[in-house]
């Protein structure tokens, strides 16, 4: 995967090697402002019938692209995303700390929906079914359940890291961790900062 950033360094998303190759082929059009880690990946194309040589394109680890004037800069993740909420908790229950698969985790409103709690990254945590059922429509305090993991709105850099932590190259991690803001709230983010 290739990390795509705005030229200013704000992360946008992950690109497949094929998507990055398409972008690289448009480099002369100004689609790419800068790259880092040139030649990290090589994609091979067809063989020239006359020369017998196979074509290839070198793909970098990181691509910086121009930001268009009307494109909003998304420094933080906006809205709510269930999968992201589960990854934010490190695939652990925010109440008992049990490690579970993404499919086994549920989403709990810290302030219950029945009492006006909205579904947002600041009012939702991932938790096991047992804890969610026990808490029911009470606050954590009313249920006698301590929140082990404080909810937060992740930066886009944190989002991109938490969705694929084992697949990030050291160079990509260098760019991402410049914009980690919640490392004190999650061990996996503080460990990435220390790497």
Protein backbone atom coordinates (compact mmCIF):
# COMPACT_ATOMS: atom_id res chain seq x y z
CA UNK A 1 0.00 0.00 0.00
CA UNK A 2 1.07 3.57 -0.69
CA UNK A 3 0.36 6.46 1.66
CA UNK A 4 -1.21 9.46 -0.09
CA UNK A 5 -0.89 12.85 1.58
CA UNK A 6 -1.62 16.38 0.58
CA UNK A 7 1.67 18.12 -0.24
CA UNK A 8 1.38 19.91 3.12
CA UNK A 9 1.65 16.53 4.88
CA UNK A 10 -2.00 15.95 5.87
CA UNK A 11 -2.84 12.25 5.23
CA UNK A 12 -5.66 11.39 2.83
CA UNK A 13 -5.79 7.63 2.35
CA UNK A 14 -4.08 4.40 1.31
CA UNK A 15 -3.65 3.56 -2.37
CA UNK A 16 -3.14 0.13 -3.88
CA UNK A 17 -0.03 -0.22 -6.02
CA UNK A 18 -2.23 -0.15 -9.11
CA UNK A 19 -3.97 3.08 -8.01
CA UNK A 20 -0.57 4.62 -7.27
CA UNK A 21 0.71 3.55 -10.71
CA UNK A 22 -2.20 5.38 -12.37
CA UNK A 23 -1.36 8.47 -10.33
CA UNK A 24 2.35 8.14 -11.18
CA UNK A 25 1.49 7.95 -14.89
CA UNK A 26 -0.17 11.39 -14.50
CA UNK A 27 2.87 12.93 -12.80
CA UNK A 28 3.59 15.23 -15.74
CA UNK A 29 0.06 16.67 -15.36
CA UNK A 30 0.93 17.96 -11.89
CA UNK A 31 -1.12 15.37 -10.02
CA UNK A 32 1.90 14.57 -7.83
CA UNK A 33 3.87 17.31 -6.07
CA UNK A 34 6.49 15.09 -4.40
CA UNK A 35 7.28 11.48 -3.52
CA UNK A 36 9.36 9.74 -0.87
CA UNK A 37 10.77 6.24 -0.90
CA UNK A 38 11.15 6.15 -4.69
CA UNK A 39 11.56 2.67 -6.12
CA UNK A 40 10.19 0.91 -3.05
CA UNK A 41 7.77 -1.11 -5.19
CA UNK A 42 8.14 -2.08 -8.84
CA UNK A 43 5.18 -3.00 -11.06
CA UNK A 44 5.97 -4.75 -14.32
CA UNK A 45 4.05 -4.21 -17.52
CA UNK A 46 4.16 -5.79 -20.94
CA UNK A 47 7.15 -6.73 -23.10
CA UNK A 48 8.14 -4.53 -26.05
CA UNK A 49 7.87 -6.59 -29.25
CA UNK A 50 10.84 -4.78 -30.86
CA UNK A 51 13.32 -4.56 -27.97
CA UNK A 52 12.15 -7.56 -25.96
CA UNK A 53 12.37 -5.47 -22.79
CA UNK A 54 9.66 -5.53 -20.16
CA UNK A 55 8.27 -2.19 -19.05
CA UNK A 56 8.01 -1.27 -15.37
CA UNK A 57 7.12 1.60 -13.10
CA UNK A 58 8.68 2.29 -9.70
CA UNK A 59 6.17 3.18 -7.00
CA UNK A 60 7.20 5.11 -3.86
CA UNK A 61 6.00 4.45 -0.30
CA UNK A 62 4.59 7.97 0.03
CA UNK A 63 3.00 10.32 -2.54
CA UNK A 64 2.28 14.01 -1.90
CA UNK A 65 -0.49 15.46 -4.08
CA UNK A 66 -1.75 18.97 -4.68
CA UNK A 67 -4.75 20.14 -2.74
CA UNK A 68 -7.38 21.80 -4.87
CA UNK A 69 -8.73 25.13 -3.60
CA UNK A 70 -12.24 23.78 -2.94
CA UNK A 71 -11.08 20.56 -1.21
CA UNK A 72 -11.63 20.67 2.56
CA UNK A 73 -8.68 19.67 4.70
CA UNK A 74 -9.78 16.72 6.86
CA UNK A 75 -7.38 16.80 9.77
CA UNK A 76 -9.68 14.74 12.01
CA UNK A 77 -12.05 11.94 11.13
CA UNK A 78 -15.55 13.35 10.82
CA UNK A 79 -18.76 11.50 11.61
CA UNK A 80 -19.13 8.06 13.14
CA UNK A 81 -17.78 4.79 11.78
CA UNK A 82 -18.43 1.50 13.59
CA UNK A 83 -15.36 -0.35 12.24
CA UNK A 84 -13.13 2.61 13.06
CA UNK A 85 -14.55 2.80 16.60
CA UNK A 86 -13.66 -0.87 17.12
CA UNK A 87 -10.14 -0.38 15.74
CA UNK A 88 -9.74 2.77 17.86
CA UNK A 89 -10.20 0.57 20.95
CA UNK A 90 -7.54 -1.83 19.64
CA UNK A 91 -10.25 -4.51 19.23
CA UNK A 92 -10.79 -4.58 22.99
CA UNK A 93 -13.84 -4.11 25.15
CA UNK A 94 -13.73 -0.60 26.61
CA UNK A 95 -15.24 -1.90 29.88
CA UNK A 96 -13.62 -5.28 30.67
CA UNK A 97 -10.58 -5.14 28.39
CA UNK A 98 -11.27 -8.46 26.63
CA UNK A 99 -9.67 -8.80 23.20
CA UNK A 100 -12.21 -9.78 20.55
CA UNK A 101 -12.63 -9.88 16.80
CA UNK A 102 -14.19 -6.89 15.09
CA UNK A 103 -17.31 -8.96 14.40
CA UNK A 104 -17.68 -9.96 18.07
CA UNK A 105 -17.50 -6.38 19.36
CA UNK A 106 -20.61 -4.24 19.71
CA UNK A 107 -21.00 -0.47 19.93
CA UNK A 108 -22.22 1.12 23.17
CA UNK A 109 -23.49 4.67 23.64
CA UNK A 110 -21.68 5.95 26.76
CA UNK A 111 -24.65 8.23 27.43
CA UNK A 112 -27.51 5.93 26.34
CA UNK A 113 -29.52 6.82 23.26
CA UNK A 114 -32.69 6.57 25.32
CA UNK A 115 -31.37 9.46 27.40
CA UNK A 116 -30.36 11.73 24.55
CA UNK A 117 -26.92 10.30 23.76
CA UNK A 118 -25.89 10.77 20.14
CA UNK A 119 -23.96 8.26 18.06
CA UNK A 120 -20.59 9.97 17.76
CA UNK A 121 -16.93 9.10 18.20
CA UNK A 122 -17.00 10.89 21.57
CA UNK A 123 -20.10 9.08 22.87
CA UNK A 124 -19.44 5.57 21.56
CA UNK A 125 -17.08 2.78 22.56
CA UNK A 126 -16.53 -0.76 21.37
CA UNK A 127 -17.42 -3.41 23.93
CA UNK A 128 -18.26 -7.08 24.30
CA UNK A 129 -21.88 -8.22 24.18
CA UNK A 130 -21.83 -9.16 27.87
CA UNK A 131 -20.76 -5.68 29.02
CA UNK A 132 -23.14 -3.97 26.60
CA UNK A 133 -26.08 -6.03 27.89
CA UNK A 134 -25.13 -5.49 31.53
CA UNK A 135 -24.78 -1.72 31.11
CA UNK A 136 -28.11 -1.53 29.27
CA UNK A 137 -29.56 2.02 29.28
CA UNK A 138 -27.45 3.26 32.21
CA UNK A 139 -24.35 5.42 32.25
CA UNK A 140 -21.09 3.66 33.14
CA UNK A 141 -21.24 5.24 36.61
CA UNK A 142 -24.80 4.05 37.22
CA UNK A 143 -23.84 0.53 36.10
CA UNK A 144 -20.68 0.54 38.25
CA UNK A 145 -18.52 0.03 35.16
CA UNK A 146 -15.31 1.98 34.69
CA UNK A 147 -14.41 3.01 31.16
CA UNK A 148 -10.94 1.58 30.56
CA UNK A 149 -10.64 3.35 27.19
CA UNK A 150 -11.61 7.00 26.86
CA UNK A 151 -13.37 7.86 23.58
CA UNK A 152 -11.65 10.36 21.27
CA UNK A 153 -11.92 11.72 17.74
CA UNK A 154 -8.87 10.40 15.88
CA UNK A 155 -6.79 12.41 13.47
CA UNK A 156 -6.69 11.12 9.89
CA UNK A 157 -3.10 9.98 10.54
CA UNK A 158 -4.32 7.90 13.49
CA UNK A 159 -7.18 6.50 11.39
CA UNK A 160 -4.83 5.38 8.64
CA UNK A 161 -2.45 3.80 11.15
CA UNK A 162 -5.06 2.01 13.26
CA UNK A 163 -6.71 0.42 10.23
CA UNK A 164 -3.49 -1.35 9.15
CA UNK A 165 -0.83 -1.09 11.88
CA UNK A 166 1.15 -4.17 10.84
CA UNK A 167 1.41 -3.10 7.21
CA UNK A 168 2.84 0.40 7.67
CA UNK A 169 6.44 0.82 6.55
CA UNK A 170 8.87 2.78 8.74
CA UNK A 171 8.83 5.69 6.25
CA UNK A 172 5.02 5.79 6.17
CA UNK A 173 4.93 5.64 9.97
CA UNK A 174 7.29 8.62 10.13
CA UNK A 175 4.81 10.73 8.15
CA UNK A 176 1.77 9.51 10.08
CA UNK A 177 3.12 9.89 13.60
CA UNK A 178 3.84 13.58 13.00
CA UNK A 179 0.09 14.05 13.39
CA UNK A 180 -0.72 11.65 16.22
CA UNK A 181 -2.58 13.67 18.88
CA UNK A 182 -4.09 10.95 21.06
CA UNK A 183 -1.11 8.72 21.81
CA UNK A 184 -1.60 9.20 25.56
CA UNK A 185 -5.03 7.52 25.22
CA UNK A 186 -3.99 4.30 23.44
CA UNK A 187 -0.97 2.06 23.98
CA UNK A 188 -0.66 1.08 20.29
CA UNK A 189 -0.34 4.78 19.32
CA UNK A 190 2.24 5.55 22.02
CA UNK A 191 4.23 2.47 20.98
CA UNK A 192 4.16 3.67 17.36
CA UNK A 193 5.49 7.06 18.47
CA UNK A 194 8.34 5.38 20.31
CA UNK A 195 9.30 3.15 17.35
